[in-house]
Amino acid sequence: MASKYLLTIACLLLSVTYALAEHGAEYDSNSLGHGHGHHGHGYVQDYYAYPKYKFQYGVNDHYTGDVKQQSEHRDGENVKGEYSLREADGGWRHVTYVADHKGFRANVHRTPGHHGHGHGH
């Protein structure tokens, strides 16, 4: 008999958990000083984290011929970056790009290779 009550309680808890997950948790956005979007059912999406980062990386593998680098900087909705890579024919591709309220724009520059085959094994 006790197992019947435990099963009933477990089912009830699962139902409540499912309902909360489906409809989101409610909170008072004014208490956080943020709150930018109401999406119905009392759910408020809080855009708290301002998107800002900067990164760069590079690979220079003489054994495989894999040579590339990238860097990017984002401040809010403005993204600027560039990347370069050695292509299979030995040429280089260099791309600079910007993404902002006007959309994504890229400038691609290619330097031809000196031979017709790649460095890879």
N, C-alpha and C. Protein backbone atom coordinates (compact mmCIF):
# COMPACT_ATOMS: atom_id res chain seq x y z
N MET A 1 0.81 -1.18 0.00
CA MET A 1 0.00 0.00 0.00
C MET A 1 0.87 1.27 0.00
N ALA A 2 1.98 1.21 0.75
CA ALA A 2 2.88 2.36 0.80
C ALA A 2 3.50 2.62 -0.56
N SER A 3 3.80 1.56 -1.31
CA SER A 3 4.39 1.75 -2.63
C SER A 3 3.41 2.42 -3.59
N LYS A 4 2.12 2.20 -3.39
CA LYS A 4 1.10 2.85 -4.22
C LYS A 4 1.12 4.36 -3.98
N TYR A 5 1.26 4.79 -2.71
CA TYR A 5 1.33 6.22 -2.39
C TYR A 5 2.62 6.84 -2.93
N LEU A 6 3.73 6.10 -2.83
CA LEU A 6 5.00 6.61 -3.36
C LEU A 6 4.93 6.79 -4.87
N LEU A 7 4.28 5.87 -5.56
CA LEU A 7 4.12 5.97 -7.00
C LEU A 7 3.26 7.17 -7.36
N THR A 8 2.19 7.39 -6.60
CA THR A 8 1.32 8.54 -6.84
C THR A 8 2.07 9.85 -6.62
N ILE A 9 2.86 9.94 -5.56
CA ILE A 9 3.64 11.15 -5.28
C ILE A 9 4.68 11.37 -6.37
N ALA A 10 5.34 10.31 -6.81
CA ALA A 10 6.34 10.43 -7.87
C ALA A 10 5.70 10.94 -9.16
N CYS A 11 4.53 10.42 -9.51
CA CYS A 11 3.83 10.89 -10.72
C CYS A 11 3.43 12.35 -10.59
N LEU A 12 2.98 12.75 -9.41
CA LEU A 12 2.59 14.14 -9.18
C LEU A 12 3.81 15.06 -9.31
N LEU A 13 4.94 14.68 -8.74
CA LEU A 13 6.15 15.48 -8.86
C LEU A 13 6.63 15.58 -10.30
N LEU A 14 6.55 14.50 -11.05
CA LEU A 14 6.91 14.53 -12.46
C LEU A 14 6.01 15.47 -13.25
N SER A 15 4.73 15.47 -12.94
CA SER A 15 3.78 16.36 -13.64
C SER A 15 4.11 17.81 -13.36
N VAL A 16 4.39 18.13 -12.10
CA VAL A 16 4.72 19.52 -11.74
C VAL A 16 6.03 19.93 -12.41
N THR A 17 7.02 19.06 -12.40
CA THR A 17 8.30 19.37 -13.03
C THR A 17 8.13 19.61 -14.52
N TYR A 18 7.35 18.79 -15.19
CA TYR A 18 7.09 18.95 -16.62
C TYR A 18 6.39 20.28 -16.89
N ALA A 19 5.40 20.62 -16.08
CA ALA A 19 4.66 21.87 -16.28
C ALA A 19 5.57 23.08 -16.10
N LEU A 20 6.43 23.06 -15.10
CA LEU A 20 7.35 24.18 -14.89
C LEU A 20 8.35 24.30 -16.03
N ALA A 21 8.85 23.18 -16.52
CA ALA A 21 9.81 23.21 -17.61
C ALA A 21 9.17 23.72 -18.89
N GLU A 22 7.92 23.35 -19.15
CA GLU A 22 7.25 23.74 -20.38
C GLU A 22 6.87 25.22 -20.39
N HIS A 23 6.49 25.76 -19.25
CA HIS A 23 6.01 27.13 -19.20
C HIS A 23 7.01 28.12 -18.66
N GLY A 24 8.14 27.68 -18.18
CA GLY A 24 9.17 28.57 -17.67
C GLY A 24 8.84 29.04 -16.28
N ALA A 25 9.85 29.51 -15.60
CA ALA A 25 9.67 30.02 -14.24
C ALA A 25 9.33 31.49 -14.30
N GLU A 26 8.44 31.93 -13.43
CA GLU A 26 8.07 33.34 -13.37
C GLU A 26 8.92 34.04 -12.33
N TYR A 27 9.27 35.31 -12.63
CA TYR A 27 9.95 36.12 -11.64
C TYR A 27 9.68 37.57 -11.97
N ASP A 28 9.94 38.43 -11.02
CA ASP A 28 9.72 39.86 -11.19
C ASP A 28 10.96 40.48 -11.79
N SER A 29 10.91 40.86 -13.07
CA SER A 29 12.08 41.40 -13.74
C SER A 29 12.48 42.75 -13.16
N ASN A 30 11.56 43.48 -12.54
CA ASN A 30 11.91 44.77 -11.96
C ASN A 30 12.85 44.61 -10.79
N SER A 31 12.80 43.49 -10.10
CA SER A 31 13.69 43.30 -8.97
C SER A 31 15.13 43.12 -9.43
N LEU A 32 15.36 42.73 -10.69
CA LEU A 32 16.70 42.57 -11.21
C LEU A 32 17.16 43.82 -11.96
N GLY A 33 16.25 44.68 -12.30
CA GLY A 33 16.62 45.88 -13.04
C GLY A 33 16.81 45.62 -14.53
N HIS A 34 16.40 44.46 -14.99
CA HIS A 34 16.55 44.13 -16.40
C HIS A 34 15.18 43.79 -16.95
N GLY A 35 15.08 42.69 -17.65
CA GLY A 35 13.79 42.25 -18.19
C GLY A 35 13.44 42.99 -19.45
N HIS A 36 13.66 42.35 -20.56
CA HIS A 36 13.48 43.03 -21.83
C HIS A 36 12.46 42.39 -22.74
N GLY A 37 11.89 41.28 -22.36
CA GLY A 37 10.97 40.67 -23.30
C GLY A 37 9.97 39.78 -22.61
N HIS A 38 8.71 40.10 -22.74
CA HIS A 38 7.66 39.25 -22.19
C HIS A 38 7.21 38.30 -23.28
N HIS A 39 7.16 37.02 -22.95
CA HIS A 39 6.82 36.01 -23.94
C HIS A 39 5.57 35.26 -23.55
N GLY A 40 4.63 35.88 -22.91
CA GLY A 40 3.37 35.23 -22.56
C GLY A 40 3.51 34.31 -21.36
N HIS A 41 2.42 33.93 -20.78
CA HIS A 41 2.35 33.01 -19.64
C HIS A 41 3.19 33.50 -18.46
N GLY A 42 3.44 34.80 -18.34
CA GLY A 42 4.19 35.32 -17.21
C GLY A 42 5.68 35.10 -17.29
N TYR A 43 6.18 34.52 -18.37
CA TYR A 43 7.61 34.28 -18.50
C TYR A 43 8.30 35.54 -19.01
N VAL A 44 9.39 35.92 -18.36
CA VAL A 44 10.17 37.08 -18.77
C VAL A 44 11.57 36.62 -19.11
N GLN A 45 12.03 36.90 -20.32
CA GLN A 45 13.39 36.54 -20.69
C GLN A 45 14.30 37.70 -20.33
N ASP A 46 15.35 37.41 -19.61
CA ASP A 46 16.27 38.44 -19.15
C ASP A 46 17.55 38.37 -19.96
N TYR A 47 17.81 39.39 -20.74
CA TYR A 47 19.04 39.46 -21.52
C TYR A 47 20.10 40.13 -20.66
N TYR A 48 20.65 39.39 -19.76
CA TYR A 48 21.55 39.95 -18.75
C TYR A 48 22.98 40.06 -19.26
N ALA A 49 23.47 39.04 -19.89
CA ALA A 49 24.88 39.02 -20.29
C ALA A 49 25.08 39.81 -21.58
N TYR A 50 25.90 40.86 -21.52
CA TYR A 50 26.26 41.65 -22.70
C TYR A 50 27.30 40.86 -23.49
N PRO A 51 27.06 40.62 -24.79
CA PRO A 51 28.01 39.81 -25.57
C PRO A 51 29.27 40.60 -25.91
N LYS A 52 30.37 40.23 -25.26
CA LYS A 52 31.65 40.90 -25.51
C LYS A 52 32.76 39.87 -25.33
N TYR A 53 33.57 39.68 -26.39
CA TYR A 53 34.69 38.75 -26.30
C TYR A 53 35.73 39.10 -27.34
N LYS A 54 36.89 38.49 -27.20
CA LYS A 54 37.99 38.62 -28.14
C LYS A 54 38.76 37.30 -28.10
N PHE A 55 39.07 36.74 -29.28
CA PHE A 55 39.86 35.51 -29.30
C PHE A 55 40.73 35.48 -30.53
N GLN A 56 41.74 34.61 -30.47
CA GLN A 56 42.57 34.33 -31.63
C GLN A 56 43.21 32.96 -31.45
N TYR A 57 43.51 32.33 -32.56
CA TYR A 57 44.20 31.05 -32.53
C TYR A 57 44.96 30.87 -33.83
N GLY A 58 45.86 29.92 -33.85
CA GLY A 58 46.60 29.64 -35.06
C GLY A 58 47.14 28.22 -35.04
N VAL A 59 47.37 27.69 -36.24
CA VAL A 59 47.96 26.37 -36.43
C VAL A 59 49.07 26.53 -37.46
N ASN A 60 50.22 25.92 -37.18
CA ASN A 60 51.32 25.94 -38.14
C ASN A 60 52.01 24.58 -38.08
N ASP A 61 51.43 23.61 -38.78
CA ASP A 61 51.91 22.22 -38.76
C ASP A 61 52.72 21.96 -40.02
N HIS A 62 54.04 21.95 -39.89
CA HIS A 62 54.91 21.75 -41.05
C HIS A 62 54.80 20.33 -41.62
N TYR A 63 54.46 19.36 -40.79
CA TYR A 63 54.35 17.98 -41.26
C TYR A 63 53.18 17.81 -42.23
N THR A 64 52.00 18.35 -41.88
CA THR A 64 50.82 18.19 -42.73
C THR A 64 50.62 19.36 -43.69
N GLY A 65 51.29 20.47 -43.44
CA GLY A 65 51.09 21.65 -44.27
C GLY A 65 49.88 22.47 -43.85
N ASP A 66 49.28 22.13 -42.72
CA ASP A 66 48.10 22.85 -42.21
C ASP A 66 48.57 24.15 -41.55
N VAL A 67 48.27 25.27 -42.21
CA VAL A 67 48.66 26.58 -41.69
C VAL A 67 47.43 27.47 -41.76
N LYS A 68 47.02 27.99 -40.60
CA LYS A 68 45.85 28.88 -40.56
C LYS A 68 45.86 29.69 -39.28
N GLN A 69 45.12 30.78 -39.29
CA GLN A 69 44.96 31.61 -38.11
C GLN A 69 43.63 32.33 -38.19
N GLN A 70 43.06 32.65 -37.02
CA GLN A 70 41.82 33.42 -36.97
C GLN A 70 41.84 34.30 -35.73
N SER A 71 41.22 35.46 -35.85
CA SER A 71 40.98 36.33 -34.70
C SER A 71 39.62 36.98 -34.88
N GLU A 72 38.95 37.24 -33.77
CA GLU A 72 37.62 37.85 -33.81
C GLU A 72 37.40 38.65 -32.54
N HIS A 73 36.66 39.74 -32.68
CA HIS A 73 36.33 40.62 -31.57
C HIS A 73 34.85 40.97 -31.66
N ARG A 74 34.14 40.81 -30.56
CA ARG A 74 32.73 41.17 -30.52
C ARG A 74 32.48 42.12 -29.36
N ASP A 75 31.72 43.17 -29.65
CA ASP A 75 31.29 44.13 -28.64
C ASP A 75 29.82 44.41 -28.91
N GLY A 76 28.94 43.77 -28.17
CA GLY A 76 27.50 43.90 -28.40
C GLY A 76 27.11 43.24 -29.71
N GLU A 77 26.49 44.00 -30.59
CA GLU A 77 26.05 43.46 -31.88
C GLU A 77 27.08 43.64 -32.98
N ASN A 78 28.25 44.18 -32.66
CA ASN A 78 29.28 44.43 -33.65
C ASN A 78 30.38 43.37 -33.56
N VAL A 79 30.61 42.68 -34.68
CA VAL A 79 31.62 41.64 -34.74
C VAL A 79 32.59 41.99 -35.87
N LYS A 80 33.89 41.90 -35.58
CA LYS A 80 34.93 42.09 -36.60
C LYS A 80 35.91 40.95 -36.46
N GLY A 81 36.36 40.45 -37.60
CA GLY A 81 37.31 39.36 -37.54
C GLY A 81 38.05 39.18 -38.83
N GLU A 82 38.99 38.25 -38.79
CA GLU A 82 39.75 37.89 -39.98
C GLU A 82 40.29 36.49 -39.81
N TYR A 83 40.53 35.84 -40.94
CA TYR A 83 41.22 34.55 -40.92
C TYR A 83 42.01 34.38 -42.19
N SER A 84 43.07 33.59 -42.07
CA SER A 84 43.93 33.26 -43.21
C SER A 84 44.19 31.77 -43.17
N LEU A 85 44.34 31.18 -44.35
CA LEU A 85 44.69 29.77 -44.40
C LEU A 85 45.43 29.46 -45.68
N ARG A 86 46.32 28.46 -45.59
CA ARG A 86 47.01 27.97 -46.78
C ARG A 86 46.11 26.94 -47.42
N GLU A 87 45.81 27.13 -48.70
CA GLU A 87 44.94 26.22 -49.42
C GLU A 87 45.73 25.04 -49.96
N ALA A 88 45.02 24.05 -50.47
CA ALA A 88 45.64 22.81 -50.93
C ALA A 88 46.66 23.03 -52.05
N ASP A 89 46.46 24.05 -52.88
CA ASP A 89 47.40 24.31 -53.98
C ASP A 89 48.60 25.15 -53.54
N GLY A 90 48.70 25.46 -52.24
CA GLY A 90 49.82 26.25 -51.73
C GLY A 90 49.52 27.73 -51.68
N GLY A 91 48.39 28.16 -52.23
CA GLY A 91 48.01 29.56 -52.19
C GLY A 91 47.46 29.95 -50.82
N TRP A 92 47.20 31.23 -50.66
CA TRP A 92 46.66 31.75 -49.40
C TRP A 92 45.30 32.38 -49.61
N ARG A 93 44.42 32.18 -48.66
CA ARG A 93 43.14 32.89 -48.63
C ARG A 93 43.12 33.73 -47.35
N HIS A 94 42.86 35.02 -47.51
CA HIS A 94 42.76 35.92 -46.37
C HIS A 94 41.39 36.59 -46.41
N VAL A 95 40.65 36.47 -45.33
CA VAL A 95 39.29 37.01 -45.27
C VAL A 95 39.18 37.93 -44.06
N THR A 96 38.66 39.14 -44.30
CA THR A 96 38.28 40.03 -43.21
C THR A 96 36.77 40.16 -43.27
N TYR A 97 36.13 40.26 -42.11
CA TYR A 97 34.67 40.32 -42.10
C TYR A 97 34.17 41.21 -40.97
N VAL A 98 32.94 41.68 -41.18
CA VAL A 98 32.23 42.51 -40.21
C VAL A 98 30.79 42.02 -40.19
N ALA A 99 30.22 41.94 -39.00
CA ALA A 99 28.80 41.64 -38.85
C ALA A 99 28.23 42.64 -37.86
N ASP A 100 27.19 43.35 -38.28
CA ASP A 100 26.56 44.35 -37.42
C ASP A 100 25.10 44.54 -37.85
N HIS A 101 24.51 45.66 -37.52
CA HIS A 101 23.11 45.90 -37.86
C HIS A 101 22.86 45.95 -39.38
N LYS A 102 23.92 46.09 -40.17
CA LYS A 102 23.80 46.10 -41.63
C LYS A 102 23.91 44.70 -42.23
N GLY A 103 24.23 43.70 -41.40
CA GLY A 103 24.38 42.33 -41.89
C GLY A 103 25.82 41.89 -41.87
N PHE A 104 26.10 40.80 -42.57
CA PHE A 104 27.45 40.22 -42.64
C PHE A 104 28.10 40.64 -43.95
N ARG A 105 29.33 41.16 -43.86
CA ARG A 105 30.08 41.56 -45.05
C ARG A 105 31.50 41.02 -44.94
N ALA A 106 31.97 40.43 -46.02
CA ALA A 106 33.31 39.84 -46.03
C ALA A 106 34.10 40.33 -47.23
N ASN A 107 35.40 40.47 -47.03
CA ASN A 107 36.32 40.82 -48.09
C ASN A 107 37.31 39.66 -48.20
N VAL A 108 37.31 38.99 -49.36
CA VAL A 108 38.14 37.80 -49.56
C VAL A 108 39.26 38.15 -50.53
N HIS A 109 40.49 37.84 -50.12
CA HIS A 109 41.65 38.06 -50.99
C HIS A 109 42.39 36.73 -51.11
N ARG A 110 42.71 36.35 -52.35
CA ARG A 110 43.40 35.07 -52.58
C ARG A 110 44.71 35.32 -53.31
N THR A 111 45.77 34.69 -52.80
CA THR A 111 47.08 34.71 -53.45
C THR A 111 47.31 33.32 -54.02
N PRO A 112 47.51 33.20 -55.33
CA PRO A 112 47.67 31.87 -55.94
C PRO A 112 48.91 31.15 -55.44
N GLY A 113 48.85 29.81 -55.48
CA GLY A 113 49.98 28.97 -55.09
C GLY A 113 50.98 28.84 -56.21
N HIS A 114 52.14 28.28 -55.87
CA HIS A 114 53.21 28.11 -56.85
C HIS A 114 53.27 26.72 -57.43
N HIS A 115 52.44 25.81 -56.90
CA HIS A 115 52.43 24.44 -57.41
C HIS A 115 51.00 23.91 -57.35
N GLY A 116 50.76 22.83 -58.07
CA GLY A 116 49.41 22.32 -58.21
C GLY A 116 49.01 21.24 -57.25
N HIS A 117 49.79 20.96 -56.21
CA HIS A 117 49.39 19.93 -55.27
C HIS A 117 49.61 20.41 -53.83
N GLY A 118 48.92 19.78 -52.91
CA GLY A 118 48.98 20.19 -51.51
C GLY A 118 50.17 19.59 -50.80
N HIS A 119 50.30 19.95 -49.52
CA HIS A 119 51.38 19.48 -48.69
C HIS A 119 51.01 18.27 -47.87
N GLY A 120 49.73 17.94 -47.79
CA GLY A 120 49.26 16.90 -46.89
C GLY A 120 49.73 15.51 -47.27
N HIS A 121 49.71 14.61 -46.30
CA HIS A 121 50.10 13.22 -46.50
C HIS A 121 48.89 12.34 -46.45
